Amino acid sequence: MVTEAANYANAGHATTITVTGHTDSSGSTKYNVGLSQRRAKAVADALVGLGVPQSGLAVDWKGESELAVPTPDGTKEPLNRRSTIQINF
């Protein structure tokens, strides 16, 4: 998915790309915020490594505040452990 986003952006189809990191609800809120930040930055770094200009990237992180699959606190859910890539035109 990262390669496809980079190829699309490098072909001139995007003005900016926003990468957002997320976590599940296991772990503390503070830890999850940091983890989601590291997750988003890793994807952004991969995009830059594939030729996407850093000036066209925005990085955001949500911790466990925007779960893809609603779960109770302390629940390990792989679908909530993700980074999203939003391509802006």
N, C-alpha and C. Protein backbone atom coordinates (compact mmCIF):
# COMPACT_ATOMS: atom_id res chain seq x y z
N MET A 1 0.81 -1.19 0.00
CA MET A 1 0.00 0.00 0.00
C MET A 1 0.86 1.26 0.00
N VAL A 2 1.96 1.24 0.72
CA VAL A 2 2.84 2.41 0.77
C VAL A 2 3.44 2.67 -0.61
N THR A 3 3.87 1.62 -1.27
CA THR A 3 4.45 1.76 -2.61
C THR A 3 3.43 2.33 -3.59
N GLU A 4 2.20 1.85 -3.52
CA GLU A 4 1.16 2.35 -4.42
C GLU A 4 0.88 3.83 -4.17
N ALA A 5 0.83 4.23 -2.91
CA ALA A 5 0.62 5.64 -2.58
C ALA A 5 1.77 6.50 -3.09
N ALA A 6 2.99 6.02 -2.92
CA ALA A 6 4.16 6.76 -3.40
C ALA A 6 4.13 6.89 -4.93
N ASN A 7 3.83 5.80 -5.61
CA ASN A 7 3.76 5.84 -7.07
C ASN A 7 2.70 6.83 -7.54
N TYR A 8 1.56 6.81 -6.90
CA TYR A 8 0.47 7.71 -7.25
C TYR A 8 0.88 9.17 -7.04
N ALA A 9 1.48 9.44 -5.90
CA ALA A 9 1.92 10.81 -5.60
C ALA A 9 3.03 11.25 -6.55
N ASN A 10 3.97 10.37 -6.81
CA ASN A 10 5.09 10.71 -7.68
C ASN A 10 4.67 10.92 -9.13
N ALA A 11 3.51 10.39 -9.50
CA ALA A 11 2.99 10.59 -10.85
C ALA A 11 2.24 11.92 -10.97
N GLY A 12 2.22 12.70 -9.88
CA GLY A 12 1.61 14.02 -9.91
C GLY A 12 0.14 14.05 -9.58
N HIS A 13 -0.38 12.98 -8.99
CA HIS A 13 -1.81 12.90 -8.69
C HIS A 13 -2.19 13.43 -7.31
N ALA A 14 -1.24 13.89 -6.53
CA ALA A 14 -1.55 14.34 -5.17
C ALA A 14 -0.87 15.67 -4.89
N THR A 15 -1.57 16.52 -4.14
CA THR A 15 -0.93 17.76 -3.70
C THR A 15 -0.26 17.55 -2.35
N THR A 16 -0.92 16.82 -1.46
CA THR A 16 -0.33 16.46 -0.17
C THR A 16 -0.81 15.07 0.22
N ILE A 17 -0.06 14.45 1.12
CA ILE A 17 -0.43 13.17 1.68
C ILE A 17 -0.41 13.32 3.20
N THR A 18 -1.46 12.83 3.84
CA THR A 18 -1.54 12.83 5.30
C THR A 18 -1.45 11.39 5.79
N VAL A 19 -0.48 11.12 6.65
CA VAL A 19 -0.31 9.80 7.26
C VAL A 19 -0.74 9.92 8.71
N THR A 20 -1.64 9.03 9.14
CA THR A 20 -2.16 9.06 10.51
C THR A 20 -1.93 7.71 11.17
N GLY A 21 -1.31 7.72 12.34
CA GLY A 21 -1.06 6.50 13.09
C GLY A 21 -2.15 6.25 14.12
N HIS A 22 -2.45 4.96 14.32
CA HIS A 22 -3.48 4.53 15.27
C HIS A 22 -2.97 3.34 16.07
N THR A 23 -3.60 3.08 17.20
CA THR A 23 -3.28 1.89 18.00
C THR A 23 -4.57 1.25 18.49
N ASP A 24 -4.42 0.06 19.06
CA ASP A 24 -5.56 -0.55 19.74
C ASP A 24 -5.61 0.02 21.16
N SER A 25 -6.51 -0.51 21.98
CA SER A 25 -6.69 0.06 23.32
C SER A 25 -5.91 -0.68 24.40
N SER A 26 -5.03 -1.62 24.01
CA SER A 26 -4.18 -2.24 25.03
C SER A 26 -3.03 -1.28 25.32
N GLY A 27 -2.60 -1.21 26.52
CA GLY A 27 -1.55 -0.26 26.90
C GLY A 27 -2.16 1.04 27.39
N SER A 28 -1.31 1.86 27.97
CA SER A 28 -1.79 3.13 28.52
C SER A 28 -2.04 4.14 27.40
N THR A 29 -2.85 5.13 27.69
CA THR A 29 -3.14 6.17 26.72
C THR A 29 -1.85 6.87 26.28
N LYS A 30 -0.99 7.20 27.23
CA LYS A 30 0.26 7.88 26.92
C LYS A 30 1.14 7.02 26.00
N TYR A 31 1.27 5.76 26.32
CA TYR A 31 2.07 4.86 25.49
C TYR A 31 1.49 4.78 24.08
N ASN A 32 0.17 4.66 23.97
CA ASN A 32 -0.47 4.52 22.67
C ASN A 32 -0.32 5.76 21.81
N VAL A 33 -0.33 6.92 22.42
CA VAL A 33 -0.10 8.15 21.65
C VAL A 33 1.30 8.11 21.03
N GLY A 34 2.29 7.76 21.83
CA GLY A 34 3.67 7.67 21.32
C GLY A 34 3.82 6.60 20.26
N LEU A 35 3.17 5.45 20.47
CA LEU A 35 3.24 4.37 19.49
C LEU A 35 2.61 4.78 18.17
N SER A 36 1.47 5.44 18.24
CA SER A 36 0.83 5.86 16.99
C SER A 36 1.66 6.91 16.27
N GLN A 37 2.36 7.74 17.02
CA GLN A 37 3.26 8.73 16.41
C GLN A 37 4.41 8.02 15.70
N ARG A 38 5.02 7.05 16.35
CA ARG A 38 6.12 6.30 15.72
C ARG A 38 5.63 5.54 14.49
N ARG A 39 4.45 4.99 14.58
CA ARG A 39 3.87 4.24 13.46
C ARG A 39 3.66 5.15 12.26
N ALA A 40 3.09 6.32 12.48
CA ALA A 40 2.86 7.27 11.38
C ALA A 40 4.17 7.77 10.79
N LYS A 41 5.14 8.06 11.64
CA LYS A 41 6.42 8.55 11.14
C LYS A 41 7.15 7.48 10.33
N ALA A 42 7.00 6.22 10.69
CA ALA A 42 7.64 5.14 9.93
C ALA A 42 7.06 5.06 8.52
N VAL A 43 5.77 5.23 8.40
CA VAL A 43 5.14 5.21 7.07
C VAL A 43 5.57 6.44 6.27
N ALA A 44 5.59 7.60 6.91
CA ALA A 44 6.02 8.82 6.23
C ALA A 44 7.47 8.69 5.76
N ASP A 45 8.33 8.12 6.60
CA ASP A 45 9.72 7.91 6.21
C ASP A 45 9.82 6.97 5.01
N ALA A 46 8.98 5.95 4.98
CA ALA A 46 8.98 5.01 3.85
C ALA A 46 8.54 5.73 2.58
N LEU A 47 7.55 6.60 2.68
CA LEU A 47 7.12 7.37 1.51
C LEU A 47 8.24 8.26 0.99
N VAL A 48 8.93 8.93 1.90
CA VAL A 48 10.07 9.78 1.51
C VAL A 48 11.15 8.92 0.85
N GLY A 49 11.39 7.75 1.39
CA GLY A 49 12.37 6.83 0.80
C GLY A 49 11.99 6.39 -0.60
N LEU A 50 10.71 6.46 -0.92
CA LEU A 50 10.22 6.09 -2.25
C LEU A 50 10.06 7.31 -3.16
N GLY A 51 10.62 8.44 -2.72
CA GLY A 51 10.67 9.62 -3.59
C GLY A 51 9.60 10.67 -3.36
N VAL A 52 8.70 10.47 -2.41
CA VAL A 52 7.69 11.49 -2.13
C VAL A 52 8.36 12.63 -1.38
N PRO A 53 8.20 13.87 -1.86
CA PRO A 53 8.84 14.99 -1.17
C PRO A 53 8.29 15.17 0.25
N GLN A 54 9.18 15.33 1.20
CA GLN A 54 8.77 15.51 2.58
C GLN A 54 7.89 16.76 2.74
N SER A 55 8.10 17.74 1.89
CA SER A 55 7.32 18.97 1.97
C SER A 55 5.84 18.73 1.66
N GLY A 56 5.53 17.62 0.99
CA GLY A 56 4.15 17.29 0.66
C GLY A 56 3.49 16.34 1.64
N LEU A 57 4.18 16.06 2.76
CA LEU A 57 3.65 15.11 3.74
C LEU A 57 3.20 15.81 5.02
N ALA A 58 2.10 15.35 5.55
CA ALA A 58 1.65 15.75 6.88
C ALA A 58 1.54 14.47 7.71
N VAL A 59 1.94 14.54 8.96
CA VAL A 59 1.91 13.36 9.84
C VAL A 59 1.06 13.70 11.06
N ASP A 60 0.16 12.77 11.39
CA ASP A 60 -0.74 12.95 12.53
C ASP A 60 -0.82 11.61 13.27
N TRP A 61 -1.24 11.65 14.51
CA TRP A 61 -1.40 10.42 15.28
C TRP A 61 -2.57 10.57 16.23
N LYS A 62 -3.27 9.46 16.44
CA LYS A 62 -4.51 9.48 17.23
C LYS A 62 -4.47 8.58 18.45
N GLY A 63 -3.42 7.79 18.62
CA GLY A 63 -3.41 6.85 19.73
C GLY A 63 -4.58 5.90 19.59
N GLU A 64 -5.32 5.72 20.66
CA GLU A 64 -6.47 4.81 20.64
C GLU A 64 -7.79 5.55 20.51
N SER A 65 -7.75 6.82 20.10
CA SER A 65 -8.97 7.64 20.11
C SER A 65 -9.90 7.39 18.92
N GLU A 66 -9.41 6.80 17.84
CA GLU A 66 -10.26 6.54 16.67
C GLU A 66 -10.11 5.08 16.26
N LEU A 67 -10.73 4.21 17.02
CA LEU A 67 -10.62 2.78 16.76
C LEU A 67 -11.39 2.40 15.49
N ALA A 68 -10.80 1.55 14.66
CA ALA A 68 -11.50 1.02 13.49
C ALA A 68 -12.56 0.01 13.93
N VAL A 69 -12.22 -0.77 14.96
CA VAL A 69 -13.12 -1.75 15.55
C VAL A 69 -13.33 -1.35 17.00
N PRO A 70 -14.54 -0.90 17.36
CA PRO A 70 -14.78 -0.50 18.75
C PRO A 70 -14.54 -1.68 19.71
N THR A 71 -13.72 -1.42 20.72
CA THR A 71 -13.39 -2.45 21.72
C THR A 71 -13.33 -1.80 23.09
N PRO A 72 -13.50 -2.59 24.14
CA PRO A 72 -13.31 -2.05 25.48
C PRO A 72 -11.83 -1.73 25.73
N ASP A 73 -11.58 -0.90 26.71
CA ASP A 73 -10.21 -0.55 27.08
C ASP A 73 -9.42 -1.82 27.41
N GLY A 74 -8.18 -1.85 26.99
CA GLY A 74 -7.30 -2.96 27.28
C GLY A 74 -7.41 -4.12 26.30
N THR A 75 -8.12 -3.94 25.20
CA THR A 75 -8.34 -5.01 24.23
C THR A 75 -7.31 -4.96 23.11
N LYS A 76 -6.69 -6.10 22.82
CA LYS A 76 -5.77 -6.21 21.69
C LYS A 76 -6.59 -6.51 20.44
N GLU A 77 -6.55 -5.60 19.49
CA GLU A 77 -7.30 -5.77 18.23
C GLU A 77 -6.39 -5.38 17.07
N PRO A 78 -5.93 -6.37 16.30
CA PRO A 78 -5.00 -6.09 15.20
C PRO A 78 -5.53 -5.05 14.19
N LEU A 79 -6.82 -5.01 13.93
CA LEU A 79 -7.34 -4.06 12.94
C LEU A 79 -7.24 -2.61 13.42
N ASN A 80 -7.07 -2.40 14.71
CA ASN A 80 -6.90 -1.05 15.23
C ASN A 80 -5.45 -0.58 15.18
N ARG A 81 -4.53 -1.50 14.95
CA ARG A 81 -3.10 -1.17 14.87
C ARG A 81 -2.78 -0.89 13.42
N ARG A 82 -2.80 0.41 13.07
CA ARG A 82 -2.68 0.74 11.66
C ARG A 82 -2.17 2.16 11.47
N SER A 83 -1.77 2.43 10.25
CA SER A 83 -1.55 3.79 9.77
C SER A 83 -2.42 3.95 8.54
N THR A 84 -3.01 5.11 8.40
CA THR A 84 -3.79 5.39 7.20
C THR A 84 -3.05 6.42 6.36
N ILE A 85 -3.25 6.33 5.06
CA ILE A 85 -2.66 7.27 4.12
C ILE A 85 -3.80 7.94 3.39
N GLN A 86 -3.90 9.25 3.57
CA GLN A 86 -4.93 10.03 2.88
C GLN A 86 -4.25 10.84 1.79
N ILE A 87 -4.68 10.66 0.58
CA ILE A 87 -4.11 11.41 -0.55
C ILE A 87 -5.04 12.57 -0.85
N ASN A 88 -4.49 13.77 -0.78
CA ASN A 88 -5.26 14.99 -0.99
C ASN A 88 -4.96 15.55 -2.37
N PHE A 89 -5.99 15.99 -3.02
CA PHE A 89 -5.84 16.53 -4.39
C PHE A 89 -5.90 18.03 -4.39
